[in-house]
Amino acid sequence: MNWLDFLEKWSQEALEILSPLQKEENISHLTESELEFLTTKTLLKPPATPSQIENLENRLKKKLPPSLINYLS
């Protein structure tokens, strides 16, 4: 199983756990991340754009290794 398959499976399992909580009248105990997850239905974030990676490198004042750039994009 590759990472994307694993993360998609993990996302679905987490959604099955959290979805019933969304139906409760009081969801104020959920974190912002949990509410975002329930809205988007995935734990996965879109890949970083080249511009976002460049901005990160500028903020860090370091070039990211190719392996990390590959992971982020």
N, C-alpha and C. Protein backbone atom coordinates (compact mmCIF):
# COMPACT_ATOMS: atom_id res chain seq x y z
N MET A 1 0.85 -1.18 0.00
CA MET A 1 0.00 0.00 0.00
C MET A 1 0.89 1.24 0.00
N ASN A 2 0.61 2.17 -0.90
CA ASN A 2 1.40 3.40 -0.92
C ASN A 2 0.80 4.42 0.07
N TRP A 3 1.52 5.52 0.25
CA TRP A 3 1.09 6.51 1.24
C TRP A 3 -0.27 7.10 0.92
N LEU A 4 -0.52 7.41 -0.32
CA LEU A 4 -1.80 8.02 -0.67
C LEU A 4 -2.95 7.08 -0.36
N ASP A 5 -2.81 5.80 -0.70
CA ASP A 5 -3.85 4.82 -0.37
C ASP A 5 -4.06 4.73 1.13
N PHE A 6 -2.95 4.69 1.88
CA PHE A 6 -3.03 4.62 3.34
C PHE A 6 -3.75 5.83 3.91
N LEU A 7 -3.37 7.03 3.45
CA LEU A 7 -3.99 8.25 3.97
C LEU A 7 -5.45 8.37 3.60
N GLU A 8 -5.82 7.92 2.42
CA GLU A 8 -7.23 7.93 2.02
C GLU A 8 -8.04 6.97 2.88
N LYS A 9 -7.48 5.79 3.17
CA LYS A 9 -8.16 4.81 4.03
C LYS A 9 -8.29 5.37 5.45
N TRP A 10 -7.23 5.96 5.95
CA TRP A 10 -7.24 6.56 7.29
C TRP A 10 -8.27 7.69 7.35
N SER A 11 -8.35 8.48 6.30
CA SER A 11 -9.30 9.57 6.23
C SER A 11 -10.73 9.04 6.31
N GLN A 12 -11.02 7.98 5.58
CA GLN A 12 -12.36 7.39 5.59
C GLN A 12 -12.71 6.83 6.97
N GLU A 13 -11.74 6.17 7.61
CA GLU A 13 -11.99 5.62 8.94
C GLU A 13 -12.26 6.74 9.95
N ALA A 14 -11.50 7.82 9.86
CA ALA A 14 -11.71 8.95 10.77
C ALA A 14 -13.07 9.59 10.52
N LEU A 15 -13.46 9.68 9.27
CA LEU A 15 -14.75 10.26 8.92
C LEU A 15 -15.89 9.43 9.50
N GLU A 16 -15.76 8.11 9.48
CA GLU A 16 -16.79 7.24 10.06
C GLU A 16 -16.93 7.48 11.56
N ILE A 17 -15.83 7.82 12.21
CA ILE A 17 -15.86 8.08 13.66
C ILE A 17 -16.46 9.45 13.95
N LEU A 18 -16.06 10.47 13.18
CA LEU A 18 -16.48 11.83 13.47
C LEU A 18 -17.85 12.21 12.91
N SER A 19 -18.28 11.57 11.86
CA SER A 19 -19.56 11.94 11.23
C SER A 19 -20.74 11.94 12.19
N PRO A 20 -20.88 10.92 13.05
CA PRO A 20 -22.01 10.96 13.99
C PRO A 20 -21.98 12.18 14.92
N LEU A 21 -20.79 12.68 15.22
CA LEU A 21 -20.68 13.85 16.11
C LEU A 21 -21.24 15.10 15.45
N GLN A 22 -21.20 15.15 14.13
CA GLN A 22 -21.70 16.31 13.40
C GLN A 22 -23.21 16.44 13.56
N LYS A 23 -23.89 15.35 13.78
CA LYS A 23 -25.34 15.36 13.89
C LYS A 23 -25.84 15.82 15.26
N GLU A 24 -24.92 15.83 16.21
CA GLU A 24 -25.31 16.28 17.54
C GLU A 24 -25.59 17.78 17.52
N GLU A 25 -26.49 18.19 18.37
CA GLU A 25 -26.83 19.61 18.42
C GLU A 25 -25.66 20.46 18.89
N ASN A 26 -24.87 19.94 19.82
CA ASN A 26 -23.77 20.71 20.37
C ASN A 26 -22.45 20.21 19.80
N ILE A 27 -21.97 20.86 18.74
CA ILE A 27 -20.70 20.46 18.16
C ILE A 27 -19.58 21.42 18.56
N SER A 28 -19.86 22.24 19.55
CA SER A 28 -18.88 23.25 19.96
C SER A 28 -17.62 22.63 20.56
N HIS A 29 -17.69 21.36 20.95
CA HIS A 29 -16.51 20.71 21.52
C HIS A 29 -15.53 20.23 20.45
N LEU A 30 -15.93 20.28 19.17
CA LEU A 30 -15.04 19.86 18.10
C LEU A 30 -14.03 20.96 17.80
N THR A 31 -12.82 20.55 17.45
CA THR A 31 -11.79 21.52 17.11
C THR A 31 -12.02 22.08 15.72
N GLU A 32 -11.33 23.16 15.40
CA GLU A 32 -11.44 23.76 14.07
C GLU A 32 -11.01 22.75 13.00
N SER A 33 -9.98 21.98 13.30
CA SER A 33 -9.51 20.96 12.34
C SER A 33 -10.56 19.88 12.13
N GLU A 34 -11.21 19.46 13.20
CA GLU A 34 -12.26 18.44 13.07
C GLU A 34 -13.44 18.96 12.26
N LEU A 35 -13.82 20.21 12.49
CA LEU A 35 -14.92 20.79 11.72
C LEU A 35 -14.55 20.93 10.24
N GLU A 36 -13.29 21.32 9.98
CA GLU A 36 -12.84 21.41 8.59
C GLU A 36 -12.89 20.04 7.93
N PHE A 37 -12.44 19.03 8.66
CA PHE A 37 -12.45 17.66 8.15
C PHE A 37 -13.87 17.21 7.81
N LEU A 38 -14.81 17.50 8.69
CA LEU A 38 -16.20 17.11 8.43
C LEU A 38 -16.78 17.84 7.22
N THR A 39 -16.30 19.04 6.97
CA THR A 39 -16.77 19.80 5.82
C THR A 39 -16.16 19.30 4.52
N THR A 40 -14.84 19.07 4.54
CA THR A 40 -14.14 18.67 3.31
C THR A 40 -14.20 17.17 3.07
N LYS A 41 -14.50 16.39 4.11
CA LYS A 41 -14.59 14.93 4.03
C LYS A 41 -13.25 14.26 3.72
N THR A 42 -12.14 14.93 4.02
CA THR A 42 -10.83 14.32 3.82
C THR A 42 -9.81 14.95 4.76
N LEU A 43 -8.84 14.15 5.17
CA LEU A 43 -7.73 14.66 5.97
C LEU A 43 -6.62 15.19 5.08
N LEU A 44 -6.70 14.86 3.80
CA LEU A 44 -5.65 15.24 2.86
C LEU A 44 -5.79 16.70 2.46
N LYS A 45 -4.67 17.34 2.33
CA LYS A 45 -4.62 18.72 1.86
C LYS A 45 -4.13 18.71 0.42
N PRO A 46 -4.48 19.70 -0.37
CA PRO A 46 -3.98 19.74 -1.73
C PRO A 46 -2.46 19.93 -1.73
N PRO A 47 -1.80 19.48 -2.80
CA PRO A 47 -0.35 19.63 -2.87
C PRO A 47 0.05 21.10 -2.87
N ALA A 48 1.25 21.35 -2.38
CA ALA A 48 1.77 22.72 -2.39
C ALA A 48 2.12 23.11 -3.82
N THR A 49 1.86 24.35 -4.14
CA THR A 49 2.20 24.87 -5.46
C THR A 49 3.69 25.27 -5.44
N PRO A 50 4.29 25.38 -6.62
CA PRO A 50 5.67 25.86 -6.67
C PRO A 50 5.84 27.21 -5.97
N SER A 51 4.84 28.08 -6.10
CA SER A 51 4.90 29.39 -5.45
C SER A 51 4.90 29.25 -3.92
N GLN A 52 4.08 28.35 -3.40
CA GLN A 52 4.04 28.13 -1.95
C GLN A 52 5.37 27.56 -1.44
N ILE A 53 5.95 26.66 -2.20
CA ILE A 53 7.25 26.09 -1.81
C ILE A 53 8.33 27.17 -1.84
N GLU A 54 8.31 27.99 -2.86
CA GLU A 54 9.27 29.08 -2.95
C GLU A 54 9.11 30.05 -1.77
N ASN A 55 7.86 30.37 -1.42
CA ASN A 55 7.61 31.25 -0.27
C ASN A 55 8.12 30.64 1.02
N LEU A 56 7.94 29.34 1.18
CA LEU A 56 8.44 28.66 2.37
C LEU A 56 9.96 28.72 2.42
N GLU A 57 10.61 28.45 1.30
CA GLU A 57 12.08 28.52 1.25
C GLU A 57 12.57 29.93 1.58
N ASN A 58 11.86 30.93 1.09
CA ASN A 58 12.24 32.32 1.38
C ASN A 58 12.09 32.63 2.86
N ARG A 59 10.99 32.16 3.46
CA ARG A 59 10.78 32.40 4.90
C ARG A 59 11.85 31.70 5.73
N LEU A 60 12.21 30.47 5.32
CA LEU A 60 13.22 29.71 6.06
C LEU A 60 14.65 30.14 5.73
N LYS A 61 14.78 30.87 4.62
CA LYS A 61 16.10 31.25 4.11
C LYS A 61 16.98 30.02 3.86
N LYS A 62 16.32 28.97 3.38
CA LYS A 62 16.99 27.69 3.07
C LYS A 62 16.29 27.06 1.88
N LYS A 63 17.05 26.34 1.08
CA LYS A 63 16.47 25.54 0.01
C LYS A 63 16.02 24.21 0.61
N LEU A 64 14.83 23.77 0.25
CA LEU A 64 14.34 22.49 0.72
C LEU A 64 14.98 21.37 -0.09
N PRO A 65 15.23 20.23 0.55
CA PRO A 65 15.78 19.10 -0.20
C PRO A 65 14.74 18.59 -1.21
N PRO A 66 15.21 18.05 -2.33
CA PRO A 66 14.29 17.56 -3.36
C PRO A 66 13.27 16.55 -2.82
N SER A 67 13.66 15.73 -1.87
CA SER A 67 12.72 14.74 -1.33
C SER A 67 11.54 15.41 -0.62
N LEU A 68 11.80 16.50 0.10
CA LEU A 68 10.74 17.22 0.80
C LEU A 68 9.87 17.96 -0.21
N ILE A 69 10.48 18.54 -1.21
CA ILE A 69 9.70 19.22 -2.26
C ILE A 69 8.78 18.22 -2.94
N ASN A 70 9.31 17.04 -3.21
CA ASN A 70 8.49 15.98 -3.83
C ASN A 70 7.33 15.59 -2.91
N TYR A 71 7.59 15.48 -1.61
CA TYR A 71 6.55 15.12 -0.65
C TYR A 71 5.47 16.21 -0.59
N LEU A 72 5.87 17.45 -0.59
CA LEU A 72 4.92 18.55 -0.47
C LEU A 72 4.11 18.79 -1.74
N SER A 73 4.69 18.40 -2.86
CA SER A 73 3.99 18.64 -4.12
C SER A 73 3.55 17.32 -4.69
